[in-house]
């Protein structure tokens, strides 16, 4: 069994009616998903709208999540790093301030598209100085940089790299090769909610799933069923949850998730920050009907 496994919820950032960060709502949401079966939390991922937060707000989010994970003895994964290697080194070093960060979710360099050699050197440099293991965030439809299994395999055997959040938009040849050939110490956490069940069927260790803000217990059960070999139950649950995931991602993440959480009474407003705009009424209602609210 690899070190990072189970269900991790990449928390949204709740905003008040006037657009301020709501620390209390964030803390309550963090406790709720852990109560409902999540293994741990992810702070400052894509779902958190991290680029739209100030430095002070990012520190507040990490502080809240760190305290919750301390109280609940739960692991915390923190988003840190950009497409600039030097600044990523600084961001990773700052994680020393937080006692319960278990790993750093660090995205493949985006926009600059440095190629395989650049990706390798970027992560080798970060891993050499990071105070916690790296979890590579491989999401080519956001970064513009494809990372083949040949390249990822070199990273999988690099000291200081603990695994990957795998979100390539499907189950491709590199995914199949990775699941067949990865070293035992290299965790694979699915990051495409729609494809989490087939990835778990191939042997993934768990998932970082934004859809698990809703029906958290069912997503935790999906991972547990696949890992326990209860394939019939896992397939049935995976088919059902795929409909929820599709509805929650009908518009840019996390606008529909926030709309649903607000309507369920879990956060004070559905507000997002530009360039995101709030979910349409149709998308919010469609997701809410599947979520059972």
C-alpha atoms as a PDB file:
ATOM      1  CA  UNK A   1       0.000   0.000   0.000  1.00  0.00           C
ATOM      2  CA  UNK A   2       1.306   3.447  -0.892  1.00  0.00           C
ATOM      3  CA  UNK A   3       1.493   6.267   1.610  1.00  0.00           C
ATOM      4  CA  UNK A   4      -1.135   8.553   0.064  1.00  0.00           C
ATOM      5  CA  UNK A   5      -4.439   6.750  -0.350  1.00  0.00           C
ATOM      6  CA  UNK A   6      -8.161   7.219   0.131  1.00  0.00           C
ATOM      7  CA  UNK A   7     -10.480  10.146  -0.504  1.00  0.00           C
ATOM      8  CA  UNK A   8      -9.140  13.693  -0.347  1.00  0.00           C
ATOM      9  CA  UNK A   9     -11.553  16.591  -0.796  1.00  0.00           C
ATOM     10  CA  UNK A  10     -10.045  19.686  -2.483  1.00  0.00           C
ATOM     11  CA  UNK A  11     -11.917  22.302  -0.508  1.00  0.00           C
ATOM     12  CA  UNK A  12     -13.640  25.264  -2.109  1.00  0.00           C
ATOM     13  CA  UNK A  13     -12.951  28.674  -0.588  1.00  0.00           C
ATOM     14  CA  UNK A  14     -16.184  30.003   0.934  1.00  0.00           C
ATOM     15  CA  UNK A  15     -16.839  33.715   0.548  1.00  0.00           C
ATOM     16  CA  UNK A  16     -19.279  35.826   2.523  1.00  0.00           C
ATOM     17  CA  UNK A  17     -22.036  37.886   0.922  1.00  0.00           C
ATOM     18  CA  UNK A  18     -19.604  40.791   0.517  1.00  0.00           C
ATOM     19  CA  UNK A  19     -16.918  38.594  -1.036  1.00  0.00           C
ATOM     20  CA  UNK A  20     -14.587  38.148   1.946  1.00  0.00           C
ATOM     21  CA  UNK A  21     -13.029  34.833   2.872  1.00  0.00           C
ATOM     22  CA  UNK A  22     -15.236  33.104   5.456  1.00  0.00           C
ATOM     23  CA  UNK A  23     -12.915  31.212   7.811  1.00  0.00           C
ATOM     24  CA  UNK A  24     -15.751  29.802   9.906  1.00  0.00           C
ATOM     25  CA  UNK A  25     -17.566  28.325   6.894  1.00  0.00           C
ATOM     26  CA  UNK A  26     -14.294  26.817   5.669  1.00  0.00           C
ATOM     27  CA  UNK A  27     -13.635  25.182   9.023  1.00  0.00           C
ATOM     28  CA  UNK A  28     -17.173  23.791   9.219  1.00  0.00           C
ATOM     29  CA  UNK A  29     -16.959  22.439   5.680  1.00  0.00           C
ATOM     30  CA  UNK A  30     -13.613  20.775   6.429  1.00  0.00           C
ATOM     31  CA  UNK A  31     -15.030  19.048   9.500  1.00  0.00           C
ATOM     32  CA  UNK A  32     -18.161  17.979   7.610  1.00  0.00           C
ATOM     33  CA  UNK A  33     -16.331  16.159   4.803  1.00  0.00           C
ATOM     34  CA  UNK A  34     -14.099  14.412   7.344  1.00  0.00           C
ATOM     35  CA  UNK A  35     -17.179  13.444   9.369  1.00  0.00           C
ATOM     36  CA  UNK A  36     -18.665  11.973   6.195  1.00  0.00           C
ATOM     37  CA  UNK A  37     -15.710   9.727   5.451  1.00  0.00           C
ATOM     38  CA  UNK A  38     -12.985  11.712   3.683  1.00  0.00           C
ATOM     39  CA  UNK A  39      -9.467  10.554   4.494  1.00  0.00           C
ATOM     40  CA  UNK A  40      -7.980  14.034   4.308  1.00  0.00           C
ATOM     41  CA  UNK A  41      -8.153  17.513   2.850  1.00  0.00           C
ATOM     42  CA  UNK A  42      -6.547  19.415   0.011  1.00  0.00           C
ATOM     43  CA  UNK A  43      -6.048  23.142   0.537  1.00  0.00           C
ATOM     44  CA  UNK A  44      -5.401  25.650  -2.251  1.00  0.00           C
ATOM     45  CA  UNK A  45      -6.110  23.415  -5.208  1.00  0.00           C
ATOM     46  CA  UNK A  46      -7.890  24.484  -8.395  1.00  0.00           C
ATOM     47  CA  UNK A  47     -11.263  24.138  -6.671  1.00  0.00           C
ATOM     48  CA  UNK A  48     -10.146  26.653  -4.039  1.00  0.00           C
ATOM     49  CA  UNK A  49      -9.727  29.437  -6.647  1.00  0.00           C
ATOM     50  CA  UNK A  50      -6.195  29.781  -5.296  1.00  0.00           C
ATOM     51  CA  UNK A  51      -4.956  32.196  -8.021  1.00  0.00           C
ATOM     52  CA  UNK A  52      -7.715  34.638  -7.044  1.00  0.00           C
ATOM     53  CA  UNK A  53      -6.726  34.671  -3.359  1.00  0.00           C
ATOM     54  CA  UNK A  54      -4.289  37.121  -1.825  1.00  0.00           C
ATOM     55  CA  UNK A  55      -1.146  35.879  -0.087  1.00  0.00           C
ATOM     56  CA  UNK A  56      -2.804  36.636   3.251  1.00  0.00           C
ATOM     57  CA  UNK A  57      -5.932  34.709   2.295  1.00  0.00           C
ATOM     58  CA  UNK A  58      -3.925  31.697   1.157  1.00  0.00           C
ATOM     59  CA  UNK A  59      -2.169  31.704   4.526  1.00  0.00           C
ATOM     60  CA  UNK A  60      -5.532  31.849   6.311  1.00  0.00           C
ATOM     61  CA  UNK A  61      -6.863  28.918   4.295  1.00  0.00           C
ATOM     62  CA  UNK A  62      -3.806  26.833   5.129  1.00  0.00           C
ATOM     63  CA  UNK A  63      -4.013  27.792   8.805  1.00  0.00           C
ATOM     64  CA  UNK A  64      -7.678  26.759   9.054  1.00  0.00           C
ATOM     65  CA  UNK A  65      -7.082  23.448   7.266  1.00  0.00           C
ATOM     66  CA  UNK A  66      -3.945  22.743   9.284  1.00  0.00           C
ATOM     67  CA  UNK A  67      -5.829  23.240  12.539  1.00  0.00           C
ATOM     68  CA  UNK A  68      -8.702  21.008  11.425  1.00  0.00           C
ATOM     69  CA  UNK A  69      -6.290  18.255  10.381  1.00  0.00           C
ATOM     70  CA  UNK A  70      -4.509  18.575  13.728  1.00  0.00           C
ATOM     71  CA  UNK A  71      -7.791  18.196  15.596  1.00  0.00           C
ATOM     72  CA  UNK A  72      -8.917  15.261  13.452  1.00  0.00           C
ATOM     73  CA  UNK A  73      -5.542  13.529  12.987  1.00  0.00           C
ATOM     74  CA  UNK A  74      -6.131  13.754   9.235  1.00  0.00           C
ATOM     75  CA  UNK A  75      -3.572  14.300   6.452  1.00  0.00           C
ATOM     76  CA  UNK A  76      -3.418  17.607   4.608  1.00  0.00           C
ATOM     77  CA  UNK A  77      -2.202  18.136   1.057  1.00  0.00           C
ATOM     78  CA  UNK A  78      -1.340  21.739   0.195  1.00  0.00           C
ATOM     79  CA  UNK A  79      -1.293  23.262  -3.256  1.00  0.00           C
ATOM     80  CA  UNK A  80       2.031  25.004  -3.849  1.00  0.00           C
ATOM     81  CA  UNK A  81       3.987  25.924  -6.934  1.00  0.00           C
ATOM     82  CA  UNK A  82       3.537  27.522 -10.345  1.00  0.00           C
ATOM     83  CA  UNK A  83       5.285  27.345 -13.706  1.00  0.00           C
ATOM     84  CA  UNK A  84       8.220  29.295 -12.243  1.00  0.00           C
ATOM     85  CA  UNK A  85      10.700  26.959 -10.571  1.00  0.00           C
ATOM     86  CA  UNK A  86      12.399  29.518  -8.328  1.00  0.00           C
ATOM     87  CA  UNK A  87       9.122  30.849  -6.947  1.00  0.00           C
ATOM     88  CA  UNK A  88       7.854  27.302  -6.470  1.00  0.00           C
ATOM     89  CA  UNK A  89      10.898  26.526  -4.313  1.00  0.00           C
ATOM     90  CA  UNK A  90       9.982  29.489  -2.095  1.00  0.00           C
ATOM     91  CA  UNK A  91       6.316  28.469  -1.908  1.00  0.00           C
ATOM     92  CA  UNK A  92       7.239  24.931  -0.906  1.00  0.00           C
ATOM     93  CA  UNK A  93       9.661  26.139   1.764  1.00  0.00           C
ATOM     94  CA  UNK A  94       6.820  28.146   3.292  1.00  0.00           C
ATOM     95  CA  UNK A  95       4.918  24.938   4.032  1.00  0.00           C
ATOM     96  CA  UNK A  96       7.233  24.407   7.009  1.00  0.00           C
ATOM     97  CA  UNK A  97       4.927  26.780   8.877  1.00  0.00           C
ATOM     98  CA  UNK A  98       2.121  24.196   8.846  1.00  0.00           C
ATOM     99  CA  UNK A  99       2.555  21.087  10.961  1.00  0.00           C
ATOM    100  CA  UNK A 100       0.062  18.756   9.300  1.00  0.00           C
ATOM    101  CA  UNK A 101       0.888  19.176   5.615  1.00  0.00           C
ATOM    102  CA  UNK A 102       1.638  15.656   4.412  1.00  0.00           C
ATOM    103  CA  UNK A 103       2.396  16.460   0.759  1.00  0.00           C
ATOM    104  CA  UNK A 104       2.505  19.354  -1.682  1.00  0.00           C
ATOM    105  CA  UNK A 105       0.270  19.279  -4.747  1.00  0.00           C
ATOM    106  CA  UNK A 106       2.552  20.779  -7.383  1.00  0.00           C
ATOM    107  CA  UNK A 107       1.317  21.367 -10.910  1.00  0.00           C
ATOM    108  CA  UNK A 108       3.189  20.462 -14.083  1.00  0.00           C
ATOM    109  CA  UNK A 109       4.611  23.759 -15.440  1.00  0.00           C
ATOM    110  CA  UNK A 110       1.837  25.373 -17.439  1.00  0.00           C
ATOM    111  CA  UNK A 111       1.814  27.820 -20.363  1.00  0.00           C
ATOM    112  CA  UNK A 112       5.568  27.729 -20.930  1.00  0.00           C
ATOM    113  CA  UNK A 113       5.343  24.051 -22.007  1.00  0.00           C
ATOM    114  CA  UNK A 114       8.991  23.240 -21.195  1.00  0.00           C
ATOM    115  CA  UNK A 115       9.005  19.743 -22.706  1.00  0.00           C
ATOM    116  CA  UNK A 116       9.970  16.479 -21.030  1.00  0.00           C
ATOM    117  CA  UNK A 117      13.479  17.583 -20.065  1.00  0.00           C
ATOM    118  CA  UNK A 118      12.185  20.808 -18.522  1.00  0.00           C
ATOM    119  CA  UNK A 119       9.462  19.003 -16.595  1.00  0.00           C
ATOM    120  CA  UNK A 120      12.035  16.577 -15.219  1.00  0.00           C
ATOM    121  CA  UNK A 121      14.436  19.289 -14.097  1.00  0.00           C
ATOM    122  CA  UNK A 122      11.616  21.377 -12.617  1.00  0.00           C
ATOM    123  CA  UNK A 123      10.394  18.572 -10.367  1.00  0.00           C
ATOM    124  CA  UNK A 124      13.863  17.305  -9.513  1.00  0.00           C
ATOM    125  CA  UNK A 125      14.785  20.794  -8.342  1.00  0.00           C
ATOM    126  CA  UNK A 126      11.612  21.112  -6.257  1.00  0.00           C
ATOM    127  CA  UNK A 127      11.907  17.636  -4.755  1.00  0.00           C
ATOM    128  CA  UNK A 128      15.484  18.298  -3.685  1.00  0.00           C
ATOM    129  CA  UNK A 129      14.447  21.215  -1.477  1.00  0.00           C
ATOM    130  CA  UNK A 130      10.820  20.574  -0.512  1.00  0.00           C
ATOM    131  CA  UNK A 131      10.113  19.919   3.186  1.00  0.00           C
ATOM    132  CA  UNK A 132       7.352  17.446   2.224  1.00  0.00           C
ATOM    133  CA  UNK A 133       6.922  14.916  -0.590  1.00  0.00           C
ATOM    134  CA  UNK A 134       5.585  16.207  -3.898  1.00  0.00           C
ATOM    135  CA  UNK A 135       2.338  15.049  -5.435  1.00  0.00           C
ATOM    136  CA  UNK A 136       2.626  15.939  -9.114  1.00  0.00           C
ATOM    137  CA  UNK A 137      -0.544  17.484 -10.526  1.00  0.00           C
ATOM    138  CA  UNK A 138      -0.727  16.138 -14.071  1.00  0.00           C
ATOM    139  CA  UNK A 139      -3.581  17.887 -15.879  1.00  0.00           C
ATOM    140  CA  UNK A 140      -2.576  18.502 -19.506  1.00  0.00           C
ATOM    141  CA  UNK A 141      -5.857  20.101 -20.600  1.00  0.00           C
ATOM    142  CA  UNK A 142      -5.068  22.951 -18.182  1.00  0.00           C
ATOM    143  CA  UNK A 143      -1.280  23.087 -18.478  1.00  0.00           C
ATOM    144  CA  UNK A 144      -0.812  22.485 -22.201  1.00  0.00           C
ATOM    145  CA  UNK A 145       2.028  20.108 -21.299  1.00  0.00           C
ATOM    146  CA  UNK A 146       1.633  16.379 -21.876  1.00  0.00           C
ATOM    147  CA  UNK A 147       3.661  14.173 -19.524  1.00  0.00           C
ATOM    148  CA  UNK A 148       4.061  10.659 -20.883  1.00  0.00           C
ATOM    149  CA  UNK A 149       4.518   7.627 -18.657  1.00  0.00           C
ATOM    150  CA  UNK A 150       8.116   7.457 -19.866  1.00  0.00           C
ATOM    151  CA  UNK A 151       8.745  10.868 -18.282  1.00  0.00           C
ATOM    152  CA  UNK A 152       6.538  10.218 -15.251  1.00  0.00           C
ATOM    153  CA  UNK A 153       8.360   6.945 -14.618  1.00  0.00           C
ATOM    154  CA  UNK A 154      11.607   8.855 -14.123  1.00  0.00           C
ATOM    155  CA  UNK A 155       9.855  11.168 -11.675  1.00  0.00           C
ATOM    156  CA  UNK A 156       8.242   8.213  -9.890  1.00  0.00           C
ATOM    157  CA  UNK A 157      11.710   6.979  -8.981  1.00  0.00           C
ATOM    158  CA  UNK A 158      12.945  10.396  -7.834  1.00  0.00           C
ATOM    159  CA  UNK A 159      13.467  10.814  -4.070  1.00  0.00           C
ATOM    160  CA  UNK A 160      10.996  13.314  -2.634  1.00  0.00           C
ATOM    161  CA  UNK A 161       8.240  12.593  -5.173  1.00  0.00           C
ATOM    162  CA  UNK A 162       5.435  10.576  -3.616  1.00  0.00           C
ATOM    163  CA  UNK A 163       2.859  10.303  -6.353  1.00  0.00           C
ATOM    164  CA  UNK A 164       0.603  11.963  -8.886  1.00  0.00           C
ATOM    165  CA  UNK A 165      -2.826  13.512  -9.041  1.00  0.00           C
ATOM    166  CA  UNK A 166      -3.766  12.032 -12.396  1.00  0.00           C
ATOM    167  CA  UNK A 167      -6.248  14.088 -14.414  1.00  0.00           C
ATOM    168  CA  UNK A 168      -5.642  13.513 -18.114  1.00  0.00           C
ATOM    169  CA  UNK A 169      -9.270  13.545 -19.250  1.00  0.00           C
ATOM    170  CA  UNK A 170      -9.722   9.810 -19.663  1.00  0.00           C
ATOM    171  CA  UNK A 171      -7.988   6.438 -19.532  1.00  0.00           C
ATOM    172  CA  UNK A 172      -5.284   6.602 -22.205  1.00  0.00           C
ATOM    173  CA  UNK A 173      -2.303   4.398 -23.098  1.00  0.00           C
ATOM    174  CA  UNK A 174      -0.002   6.211 -20.666  1.00  0.00           C
ATOM    175  CA  UNK A 175      -2.526   5.709 -17.859  1.00  0.00           C
ATOM    176  CA  UNK A 176      -2.686   1.971 -18.509  1.00  0.00           C
ATOM    177  CA  UNK A 177       1.129   1.755 -18.631  1.00  0.00           C
ATOM    178  CA  UNK A 178       1.471   3.770 -15.425  1.00  0.00           C
ATOM    179  CA  UNK A 179      -0.915   1.541 -13.507  1.00  0.00           C
ATOM    180  CA  UNK A 180       0.884  -1.575 -14.736  1.00  0.00           C
ATOM    181  CA  UNK A 181       4.457  -0.407 -14.155  1.00  0.00           C
ATOM    182  CA  UNK A 182       4.540   2.184 -11.350  1.00  0.00           C
ATOM    183  CA  UNK A 183       6.746   1.472  -8.334  1.00  0.00           C
ATOM    184  CA  UNK A 184       4.907   0.469  -5.135  1.00  0.00           C
ATOM    185  CA  UNK A 185       5.864   3.702  -3.372  1.00  0.00           C
ATOM    186  CA  UNK A 186       4.317   5.940  -6.069  1.00  0.00           C
ATOM    187  CA  UNK A 187       0.724   6.859  -5.210  1.00  0.00           C
ATOM    188  CA  UNK A 188      -1.840   7.467  -7.912  1.00  0.00           C
ATOM    189  CA  UNK A 189      -4.799   9.612  -6.900  1.00  0.00           C
ATOM    190  CA  UNK A 190      -7.446  10.181  -9.545  1.00  0.00           C
ATOM    191  CA  UNK A 191      -8.266  13.805 -10.244  1.00  0.00           C
ATOM    192  CA  UNK A 192     -10.897  13.439 -12.981  1.00  0.00           C
ATOM    193  CA  UNK A 193     -14.131  12.889 -11.099  1.00  0.00           C
ATOM    194  CA  UNK A 194     -15.908  11.443 -14.131  1.00  0.00           C
ATOM    195  CA  UNK A 195     -13.213   8.789 -14.632  1.00  0.00           C
ATOM    196  CA  UNK A 196     -12.425   7.935 -11.027  1.00  0.00           C
ATOM    197  CA  UNK A 197     -14.204   4.574 -11.030  1.00  0.00           C
ATOM    198  CA  UNK A 198     -12.313   3.087 -14.018  1.00  0.00           C
ATOM    199  CA  UNK A 199      -9.037   4.424 -12.652  1.00  0.00           C
ATOM    200  CA  UNK A 200      -9.741   2.777  -9.306  1.00  0.00           C
ATOM    201  CA  UNK A 201     -10.560  -0.443 -11.181  1.00  0.00           C
ATOM    202  CA  UNK A 202      -7.028  -0.276 -12.613  1.00  0.00           C
ATOM    203  CA  UNK A 203      -5.612  -0.003  -9.091  1.00  0.00           C
ATOM    204  CA  UNK A 204      -5.453   3.686  -8.204  1.00  0.00           C
ATOM    205  CA  UNK A 205      -4.950   4.391  -4.506  1.00  0.00           C
ATOM    206  CA  UNK A 206      -7.754   6.924  -4.191  1.00  0.00           C
ATOM    207  CA  UNK A 207      -8.849  10.288  -5.476  1.00  0.00           C
ATOM    208  CA  UNK A 208      -8.744  14.035  -5.049  1.00  0.00           C
ATOM    209  CA  UNK A 209     -12.354  14.664  -5.975  1.00  0.00           C
ATOM    210  CA  UNK A 210     -14.113  18.024  -5.950  1.00  0.00           C
ATOM    211  CA  UNK A 211     -17.478  16.304  -6.469  1.00  0.00           C
ATOM    212  CA  UNK A 212     -17.007  14.715  -3.041  1.00  0.00           C
ATOM    213  CA  UNK A 213     -18.069  17.991  -1.425  1.00  0.00           C
ATOM    214  CA  UNK A 214     -21.471  16.443  -2.141  1.00  0.00           C
ATOM    215  CA  UNK A 215     -22.301  12.840  -1.137  1.00  0.00           C
ATOM    216  CA  UNK A 216     -18.886  12.502   0.495  1.00  0.00           C
ATOM    217  CA  UNK A 217     -19.742   9.171   2.103  1.00  0.00           C
ATOM    218  CA  UNK A 218     -20.606   7.651  -1.264  1.00  0.00           C
ATOM    219  CA  UNK A 219     -17.327   8.732  -2.853  1.00  0.00           C
ATOM    220  CA  UNK A 220     -15.449   7.343   0.147  1.00  0.00           C
ATOM    221  CA  UNK A 221     -17.423   4.118  -0.260  1.00  0.00           C
ATOM    222  CA  UNK A 222     -16.581   3.949  -3.968  1.00  0.00           C
ATOM    223  CA  UNK A 223     -12.869   4.004  -3.189  1.00  0.00           C
ATOM    224  CA  UNK A 224     -13.290   1.491  -0.373  1.00  0.00           C
ATOM    225  CA  UNK A 225     -15.301  -0.936  -2.525  1.00  0.00           C
ATOM    226  CA  UNK A 226     -12.731  -0.963  -5.327  1.00  0.00           C
ATOM    227  CA  UNK A 227      -9.832  -1.393  -2.927  1.00  0.00           C
ATOM    228  CA  UNK A 228     -11.641  -4.174  -1.050  1.00  0.00           C
ATOM    229  CA  UNK A 229     -12.509  -6.037  -4.248  1.00  0.00           C
ATOM    230  CA  UNK A 230     -16.271  -5.487  -3.949  1.00  0.00           C
ATOM    231  CA  UNK A 231     -16.510  -4.934  -7.684  1.00  0.00           C
ATOM    232  CA  UNK A 232     -20.278  -5.245  -8.169  1.00  0.00           C
ATOM    233  CA  UNK A 233     -20.999  -2.621  -5.514  1.00  0.00           C
ATOM    234  CA  UNK A 234     -18.194  -0.430  -6.842  1.00  0.00           C
ATOM    235  CA  UNK A 235     -19.518  -0.515 -10.413  1.00  0.00           C
ATOM    236  CA  UNK A 236     -23.064   0.348  -9.363  1.00  0.00           C
ATOM    237  CA  UNK A 237     -21.913   3.210  -7.176  1.00  0.00           C
ATOM    238  CA  UNK A 238     -19.451   4.445  -9.796  1.00  0.00           C
ATOM    239  CA  UNK A 239     -22.148   4.599 -12.465  1.00  0.00           C
ATOM    240  CA  UNK A 240     -24.445   6.581 -10.176  1.00  0.00           C
ATOM    241  CA  UNK A 241     -21.772   9.023  -9.023  1.00  0.00           C
ATOM    242  CA  UNK A 242     -20.674   9.671 -12.608  1.00  0.00           C
ATOM    243  CA  UNK A 243     -23.998  11.445 -13.183  1.00  0.00           C
ATOM    244  CA  UNK A 244     -23.372  13.686 -10.189  1.00  0.00           C
ATOM    245  CA  UNK A 245     -19.812  14.456 -11.293  1.00  0.00           C
ATOM    246  CA  UNK A 246     -20.959  15.351 -14.801  1.00  0.00           C
ATOM    247  CA  UNK A 247     -23.583  17.739 -13.420  1.00  0.00           C
ATOM    248  CA  UNK A 248     -21.196  19.390 -10.959  1.00  0.00           C
ATOM    249  CA  UNK A 249     -18.677  20.014 -13.761  1.00  0.00           C
ATOM    250  CA  UNK A 250     -21.222  21.222 -16.332  1.00  0.00           C
ATOM    251  CA  UNK A 251     -19.745  24.716 -15.934  1.00  0.00           C
ATOM    252  CA  UNK A 252     -16.228  25.792 -14.888  1.00  0.00           C
ATOM    253  CA  UNK A 253     -15.122  24.333 -11.551  1.00  0.00           C
ATOM    254  CA  UNK A 254     -16.109  25.196  -8.812  1.00  0.00           C
ATOM    255  CA  UNK A 255     -19.092  27.377  -9.718  1.00  0.00           C
ATOM    256  CA  UNK A 256     -21.727  24.619  -9.731  1.00  0.00           C
ATOM    257  CA  UNK A 257     -20.304  22.986  -6.607  1.00  0.00           C
ATOM    258  CA  UNK A 258     -20.511  26.310  -4.783  1.00  0.00           C
ATOM    259  CA  UNK A 259     -24.077  26.874  -5.952  1.00  0.00           C
ATOM    260  CA  UNK A 260     -25.116  23.441  -4.677  1.00  0.00           C
ATOM    261  CA  UNK A 261     -23.311  23.842  -1.353  1.00  0.00           C
ATOM    262  CA  UNK A 262     -24.995  27.212  -0.848  1.00  0.00           C
ATOM    263  CA  UNK A 263     -28.452  25.820  -1.599  1.00  0.00           C
ATOM    264  CA  UNK A 264     -27.801  22.973   0.831  1.00  0.00           C
ATOM    265  CA  UNK A 265     -26.917  25.535   3.513  1.00  0.00           C
ATOM    266  CA  UNK A 266     -23.241  24.619   3.864  1.00  0.00           C
ATOM    267  CA  UNK A 267     -21.695  27.939   2.760  1.00  0.00           C
ATOM    268  CA  UNK A 268     -22.975  31.513   3.139  1.00  0.00           C
ATOM    269  CA  UNK A 269     -22.980  32.421  -0.559  1.00  0.00           C
ATOM    270  CA  UNK A 270     -22.276  30.882  -3.965  1.00  0.00           C
ATOM    271  CA  UNK A 271     -19.874  33.721  -4.790  1.00  0.00           C
ATOM    272  CA  UNK A 272     -16.806  33.124  -6.940  1.00  0.00           C
ATOM    273  CA  UNK A 273     -14.131  35.567  -8.021  1.00  0.00           C
ATOM    274  CA  UNK A 274     -13.494  36.783 -11.518  1.00  0.00           C
ATOM    275  CA  UNK A 275     -12.681  35.553 -14.069  1.00  0.00           C
ATOM    276  CA  UNK A 276     -15.180  32.923 -12.864  1.00  0.00           C
ATOM    277  CA  UNK A 277     -18.839  33.884 -12.841  1.00  0.00           C
ATOM    278  CA  UNK A 278     -21.616  32.243 -10.793  1.00  0.00           C
ATOM    279  CA  UNK A 279     -23.314  29.094 -12.035  1.00  0.00           C
ATOM    280  CA  UNK A 280     -26.408  29.387 -14.171  1.00  0.00           C
ATOM    281  CA  UNK A 281     -29.697  28.582 -12.504  1.00  0.00           C
ATOM    282  CA  UNK A 282     -30.218  25.650 -14.866  1.00  0.00           C
ATOM    283  CA  UNK A 283     -26.838  24.045 -14.062  1.00  0.00           C
ATOM    284  CA  UNK A 284     -27.259  24.587 -10.329  1.00  0.00           C
ATOM    285  CA  UNK A 285     -30.747  23.097 -10.293  1.00  0.00           C
ATOM    286  CA  UNK A 286     -29.741  20.112 -12.418  1.00  0.00           C
ATOM    287  CA  UNK A 287     -26.875  19.255 -10.062  1.00  0.00           C
ATOM    288  CA  UNK A 288     -28.993  19.845  -6.980  1.00  0.00           C
ATOM    289  CA  UNK A 289     -31.662  17.460  -8.231  1.00  0.00           C
ATOM    290  CA  UNK A 290     -29.063  14.691  -8.627  1.00  0.00           C
ATOM    291  CA  UNK A 291     -27.477  15.546  -5.251  1.00  0.00           C
ATOM    292  CA  UNK A 292     -30.860  15.085  -3.602  1.00  0.00           C
ATOM    293  CA  UNK A 293     -31.309  18.610  -2.273  1.00  0.00           C
END
